[in-house]
C-alpha atoms as a PDB file:
ATOM      1  CA  UNK A   1      25.256  42.265  17.210  1.00  0.00           C
ATOM      2  CA  UNK A   2      22.663  43.299  14.824  1.00  0.00           C
ATOM      3  CA  UNK A   3      22.410  41.049  11.950  1.00  0.00           C
ATOM      4  CA  UNK A   4      19.548  40.938   9.183  1.00  0.00           C
ATOM      5  CA  UNK A   5      17.591  38.088   8.944  1.00  0.00           C
ATOM      6  CA  UNK A   6      17.111  36.782   5.437  1.00  0.00           C
ATOM      7  CA  UNK A   7      15.867  33.797   3.928  1.00  0.00           C
ATOM      8  CA  UNK A   8      18.464  31.138   2.940  1.00  0.00           C
ATOM      9  CA  UNK A   9      18.548  31.387  -0.885  1.00  0.00           C
ATOM     10  CA  UNK A  10      17.350  28.005  -1.272  1.00  0.00           C
ATOM     11  CA  UNK A  11      13.945  28.782   0.328  1.00  0.00           C
ATOM     12  CA  UNK A  12      11.197  30.751  -1.562  1.00  0.00           C
ATOM     13  CA  UNK A  13       8.377  32.353   0.039  1.00  0.00           C
ATOM     14  CA  UNK A  14       5.972  29.703  -0.875  1.00  0.00           C
ATOM     15  CA  UNK A  15       8.235  26.892   0.401  1.00  0.00           C
ATOM     16  CA  UNK A  16       8.192  29.061   3.790  1.00  0.00           C
ATOM     17  CA  UNK A  17       4.186  28.983   3.197  1.00  0.00           C
ATOM     18  CA  UNK A  18       4.088  25.576   3.020  1.00  0.00           C
ATOM     19  CA  UNK A  19       6.275  24.936   5.899  1.00  0.00           C
ATOM     20  CA  UNK A  20       3.892  26.837   7.626  1.00  0.00           C
ATOM     21  CA  UNK A  21       0.824  25.208   6.659  1.00  0.00           C
ATOM     22  CA  UNK A  22       2.626  21.543   7.266  1.00  0.00           C
ATOM     23  CA  UNK A  23       3.495  22.407  10.895  1.00  0.00           C
ATOM     24  CA  UNK A  24      -0.034  23.793  11.553  1.00  0.00           C
ATOM     25  CA  UNK A  25      -1.577  20.680  10.236  1.00  0.00           C
ATOM     26  CA  UNK A  26       0.841  18.722  12.338  1.00  0.00           C
ATOM     27  CA  UNK A  27      -0.439  20.672  15.687  1.00  0.00           C
ATOM     28  CA  UNK A  28      -3.937  20.169  14.580  1.00  0.00           C
ATOM     29  CA  UNK A  29      -3.471  16.708  14.185  1.00  0.00           C
ATOM     30  CA  UNK A  30      -1.345  16.227  17.299  1.00  0.00           C
ATOM     31  CA  UNK A  31      -4.000  18.386  19.231  1.00  0.00           C
ATOM     32  CA  UNK A  32      -6.761  15.963  17.733  1.00  0.00           C
ATOM     33  CA  UNK A  33      -5.050  12.928  18.748  1.00  0.00           C
ATOM     34  CA  UNK A  34      -3.968  14.164  22.320  1.00  0.00           C
ATOM     35  CA  UNK A  35      -7.936  15.131  22.943  1.00  0.00           C
ATOM     36  CA  UNK A  36      -8.966  11.724  21.981  1.00  0.00           C
ATOM     37  CA  UNK A  37      -6.575   9.864  23.793  1.00  0.00           C
ATOM     38  CA  UNK A  38      -6.715  11.797  27.022  1.00  0.00           C
ATOM     39  CA  UNK A  39     -10.486  13.207  27.176  1.00  0.00           C
ATOM     40  CA  UNK A  40     -12.026   9.684  27.259  1.00  0.00           C
ATOM     41  CA  UNK A  41     -10.133   8.708  30.368  1.00  0.00           C
ATOM     42  CA  UNK A  42     -10.895  12.100  31.951  1.00  0.00           C
ATOM     43  CA  UNK A  43     -14.769  11.903  31.325  1.00  0.00           C
ATOM     44  CA  UNK A  44     -14.962   8.181  31.875  1.00  0.00           C
ATOM     45  CA  UNK A  45     -16.049   8.117  35.663  1.00  0.00           C
ATOM     46  CA  UNK A  46     -18.623  10.614  35.142  1.00  0.00           C
ATOM     47  CA  UNK A  47     -19.842   9.371  31.875  1.00  0.00           C
ATOM     48  CA  UNK A  48     -20.048   5.674  33.293  1.00  0.00           C
ATOM     49  CA  UNK A  49     -21.902   6.986  36.510  1.00  0.00           C
ATOM     50  CA  UNK A  50     -24.535   8.968  34.472  1.00  0.00           C
ATOM     51  CA  UNK A  51     -24.932   5.840  32.027  1.00  0.00           C
ATOM     52  CA  UNK A  52     -25.779   3.562  34.882  1.00  0.00           C
ATOM     53  CA  UNK A  53     -28.307   5.930  35.865  1.00  0.00           C
ATOM     54  CA  UNK A  54     -29.601   6.382  32.585  1.00  0.00           C
ATOM     55  CA  UNK A  55     -30.146   2.686  31.526  1.00  0.00           C
ATOM     56  CA  UNK A  56     -32.894   1.159  32.276  1.00  0.00           C
ATOM     57  CA  UNK A  57     -32.374  -2.035  30.136  1.00  0.00           C
ATOM     58  CA  UNK A  58     -29.511  -3.927  28.464  1.00  0.00           C
ATOM     59  CA  UNK A  59     -30.822  -2.928  25.001  1.00  0.00           C
ATOM     60  CA  UNK A  60     -30.197   0.887  25.824  1.00  0.00           C
ATOM     61  CA  UNK A  61     -26.705   0.185  26.720  1.00  0.00           C
ATOM     62  CA  UNK A  62     -25.875  -1.541  23.798  1.00  0.00           C
ATOM     63  CA  UNK A  63     -27.356   0.942  21.509  1.00  0.00           C
ATOM     64  CA  UNK A  64     -25.185   3.470  23.428  1.00  0.00           C
ATOM     65  CA  UNK A  65     -21.869   1.120  22.819  1.00  0.00           C
ATOM     66  CA  UNK A  66     -22.715   1.156  19.065  1.00  0.00           C
ATOM     67  CA  UNK A  67     -23.216   5.027  18.835  1.00  0.00           C
ATOM     68  CA  UNK A  68     -19.755   5.413  20.543  1.00  0.00           C
ATOM     69  CA  UNK A  69     -18.257   2.718  18.236  1.00  0.00           C
ATOM     70  CA  UNK A  70     -19.565   4.558  15.310  1.00  0.00           C
ATOM     71  CA  UNK A  71     -18.273   8.077  16.539  1.00  0.00           C
ATOM     72  CA  UNK A  72     -14.954   6.332  17.114  1.00  0.00           C
ATOM     73  CA  UNK A  73     -14.805   5.364  13.614  1.00  0.00           C
ATOM     74  CA  UNK A  74     -15.930   8.607  11.964  1.00  0.00           C
ATOM     75  CA  UNK A  75     -13.139  10.069  14.223  1.00  0.00           C
ATOM     76  CA  UNK A  76     -10.515   7.718  12.831  1.00  0.00           C
ATOM     77  CA  UNK A  77     -11.571   8.533   9.240  1.00  0.00           C
ATOM     78  CA  UNK A  78     -11.145  12.529  10.114  1.00  0.00           C
ATOM     79  CA  UNK A  79      -7.552  11.557  11.470  1.00  0.00           C
ATOM     80  CA  UNK A  80      -6.534   9.652   8.158  1.00  0.00           C
ATOM     81  CA  UNK A  81      -8.044  12.392   6.118  1.00  0.00           C
ATOM     82  CA  UNK A  82      -5.962  15.093   8.155  1.00  0.00           C
ATOM     83  CA  UNK A  83      -2.854  12.690   7.972  1.00  0.00           C
ATOM     84  CA  UNK A  84      -3.398  12.276   4.253  1.00  0.00           C
ATOM     85  CA  UNK A  85      -3.906  16.184   4.097  1.00  0.00           C
ATOM     86  CA  UNK A  86      -0.241  16.747   5.789  1.00  0.00           C
ATOM     87  CA  UNK A  87       1.299  13.969   3.658  1.00  0.00           C
ATOM     88  CA  UNK A  88       0.137  15.940   0.508  1.00  0.00           C
ATOM     89  CA  UNK A  89       1.646  19.252   1.877  1.00  0.00           C
ATOM     90  CA  UNK A  90       4.813  17.883   2.636  1.00  0.00           C
ATOM     91  CA  UNK A  91       5.187  16.017  -0.539  1.00  0.00           C
ATOM     92  CA  UNK A  92       4.164  19.302  -2.485  1.00  0.00           C
ATOM     93  CA  UNK A  93       7.035  21.274  -0.172  1.00  0.00           C
ATOM     94  CA  UNK A  94       9.436  18.662  -1.203  1.00  0.00           C
ATOM     95  CA  UNK A  95       8.888  18.848  -4.790  1.00  0.00           C
ATOM     96  CA  UNK A  96       8.725  22.908  -4.688  1.00  0.00           C
ATOM     97  CA  UNK A  97      12.118  22.873  -2.858  1.00  0.00           C
ATOM     98  CA  UNK A  98      14.049  20.714  -5.288  1.00  0.00           C
ATOM     99  CA  UNK A  99      14.115  21.854  -9.073  1.00  0.00           C
ATOM    100  CA  UNK A 100      14.717  18.362 -10.674  1.00  0.00           C
ATOM    101  CA  UNK A 101      11.435  17.149  -8.588  1.00  0.00           C
ATOM    102  CA  UNK A 102       9.433  20.423  -9.857  1.00  0.00           C
ATOM    103  CA  UNK A 103      10.665  20.234 -13.431  1.00  0.00           C
ATOM    104  CA  UNK A 104       9.745  16.530 -13.571  1.00  0.00           C
ATOM    105  CA  UNK A 105       6.177  17.390 -12.338  1.00  0.00           C
ATOM    106  CA  UNK A 106       5.668  19.958 -14.736  1.00  0.00           C
ATOM    107  CA  UNK A 107       6.926  17.787 -17.631  1.00  0.00           C
ATOM    108  CA  UNK A 108       4.427  15.556 -16.174  1.00  0.00           C
ATOM    109  CA  UNK A 109       1.587  18.289 -16.009  1.00  0.00           C
ATOM    110  CA  UNK A 110       1.835  18.949 -19.584  1.00  0.00           C
ATOM    111  CA  UNK A 111      -0.601  16.109 -20.443  1.00  0.00           C
ATOM    112  CA  UNK A 112      -3.351  17.875 -18.634  1.00  0.00           C
ATOM    113  CA  UNK A 113      -3.162  21.188 -20.062  1.00  0.00           C
ATOM    114  CA  UNK A 114      -2.230  20.281 -23.756  1.00  0.00           C
ATOM    115  CA  UNK A 115      -4.743  18.466 -25.631  1.00  0.00           C
ATOM    116  CA  UNK A 116      -2.981  17.584 -28.711  1.00  0.00           C
ATOM    117  CA  UNK A 117       0.275  15.138 -28.958  1.00  0.00           C
ATOM    118  CA  UNK A 118       1.660  17.607 -31.606  1.00  0.00           C
ATOM    119  CA  UNK A 119       1.156  20.275 -29.472  1.00  0.00           C
ATOM    120  CA  UNK A 120       3.010  18.327 -26.540  1.00  0.00           C
ATOM    121  CA  UNK A 121       5.643  17.441 -28.772  1.00  0.00           C
ATOM    122  CA  UNK A 122       6.150  21.056 -30.018  1.00  0.00           C
ATOM    123  CA  UNK A 123       6.057  22.375 -26.379  1.00  0.00           C
ATOM    124  CA  UNK A 124       8.980  19.597 -25.115  1.00  0.00           C
ATOM    125  CA  UNK A 125      11.016  19.975 -28.457  1.00  0.00           C
ATOM    126  CA  UNK A 126      11.084  23.790 -27.963  1.00  0.00           C
ATOM    127  CA  UNK A 127      11.749  23.251 -24.242  1.00  0.00           C
ATOM    128  CA  UNK A 128      14.626  20.545 -24.390  1.00  0.00           C
ATOM    129  CA  UNK A 129      17.554  22.898 -25.672  1.00  0.00           C
ATOM    130  CA  UNK A 130      17.135  25.031 -22.757  1.00  0.00           C
ATOM    131  CA  UNK A 131      16.687  22.617 -19.985  1.00  0.00           C
ATOM    132  CA  UNK A 132      19.949  22.316 -17.881  1.00  0.00           C
ATOM    133  CA  UNK A 133      18.890  19.590 -15.453  1.00  0.00           C
ATOM    134  CA  UNK A 134      19.457  16.299 -16.409  1.00  0.00           C
ATOM    135  CA  UNK A 135      16.740  14.788 -14.576  1.00  0.00           C
ATOM    136  CA  UNK A 136      14.269  17.114 -16.169  1.00  0.00           C
ATOM    137  CA  UNK A 137      15.991  16.172 -19.811  1.00  0.00           C
ATOM    138  CA  UNK A 138      15.405  12.395 -19.180  1.00  0.00           C
ATOM    139  CA  UNK A 139      11.893  13.386 -18.103  1.00  0.00           C
ATOM    140  CA  UNK A 140      11.025  15.179 -21.162  1.00  0.00           C
ATOM    141  CA  UNK A 141      12.470  12.407 -23.606  1.00  0.00           C
ATOM    142  CA  UNK A 142      10.566   9.780 -21.896  1.00  0.00           C
ATOM    143  CA  UNK A 143       7.559  11.765 -22.566  1.00  0.00           C
ATOM    144  CA  UNK A 144       8.783  12.543 -26.312  1.00  0.00           C
ATOM    145  CA  UNK A 145       8.729   8.653 -26.543  1.00  0.00           C
ATOM    146  CA  UNK A 146       5.054   8.496 -25.517  1.00  0.00           C
ATOM    147  CA  UNK A 147       4.094  11.288 -27.898  1.00  0.00           C
ATOM    148  CA  UNK A 148       5.710  10.483 -30.528  1.00  0.00           C
ATOM    149  CA  UNK A 149       4.213   6.875 -30.346  1.00  0.00           C
ATOM    150  CA  UNK A 150       0.614   8.524 -30.190  1.00  0.00           C
ATOM    151  CA  UNK A 151       1.393  10.748 -33.265  1.00  0.00           C
ATOM    152  CA  UNK A 152       2.509   7.209 -35.271  1.00  0.00           C
ATOM    153  CA  UNK A 153       6.048   8.443 -35.347  1.00  0.00           C
ATOM    154  CA  UNK A 154       8.041   5.469 -34.332  1.00  0.00           C
ATOM    155  CA  UNK A 155      11.613   6.653 -35.781  1.00  0.00           C
ATOM    156  CA  UNK A 156      11.328   9.579 -33.469  1.00  0.00           C
ATOM    157  CA  UNK A 157      10.244   7.617 -30.593  1.00  0.00           C
ATOM    158  CA  UNK A 158      13.130   5.120 -31.192  1.00  0.00           C
ATOM    159  CA  UNK A 159      15.719   8.347 -31.589  1.00  0.00           C
ATOM    160  CA  UNK A 160      14.576   9.973 -28.293  1.00  0.00           C
ATOM    161  CA  UNK A 161      15.202   5.903 -26.548  1.00  0.00           C
ATOM    162  CA  UNK A 162      18.823   5.896 -28.255  1.00  0.00           C
ATOM    163  CA  UNK A 163      19.579   9.159 -26.507  1.00  0.00           C
ATOM    164  CA  UNK A 164      18.159   8.159 -22.929  1.00  0.00           C
ATOM    165  CA  UNK A 165      20.252   4.855 -23.433  1.00  0.00           C
ATOM    166  CA  UNK A 166      23.528   6.556 -24.430  1.00  0.00           C
ATOM    167  CA  UNK A 167      23.024   9.209 -21.373  1.00  0.00           C
ATOM    168  CA  UNK A 168      22.278   6.642 -18.969  1.00  0.00           C
ATOM    169  CA  UNK A 169      25.821   6.095 -18.304  1.00  0.00           C
ATOM    170  CA  UNK A 170      26.866   9.596 -17.297  1.00  0.00           C
END
C-alpha cells in the first residue's frame, strides 16, 4: 500500500532541521566519548612499553603525565562545550515547536530590537488585541508593566497589573 509521507502538521521544516542537527550533535558527542573511553585502553599497553623505553629519568615521566593531564582537561572542556551546544539546539527546538514558548521568546526579544520604551509600548499595544495565546498575552502585559514604568506612567503599569491579577484565576 502506497501512502504518501507527509510531515505531521505540528512539525515545521525548521524543527525537522533542528532535530537533525540535535541528532548529529548527539552522535558526535557519543562518538567522542566512546573514542575517549575505548582508545586509551587499546593503546595503553603499546604506549606503556614505548614510555618505558623513552624515559631516561623520573623528570621526563612526570612531564609526560602533566601533558597527558592537560590534554584530558582540554578534552573535558571540549565535551562540555559540545554538551552545551546540544542543549542549546534542543532548547531552541522546544521553543520553536511550542507557539506559546515562541511567542514569549519573541516578546522578550523586543527589547533587543527596539531602542525606545515608547516604541516597545506601541508595538505591544498594537499586538495585544491580536494575540490569541493567553501565555503570550500575559507576557506582553508583564512587559508593558516594565515599559510603562520606564516611561514614568505608573497608572498604566498598575492597570496592566490589575488585568494580570484578574486573569490569574482563569
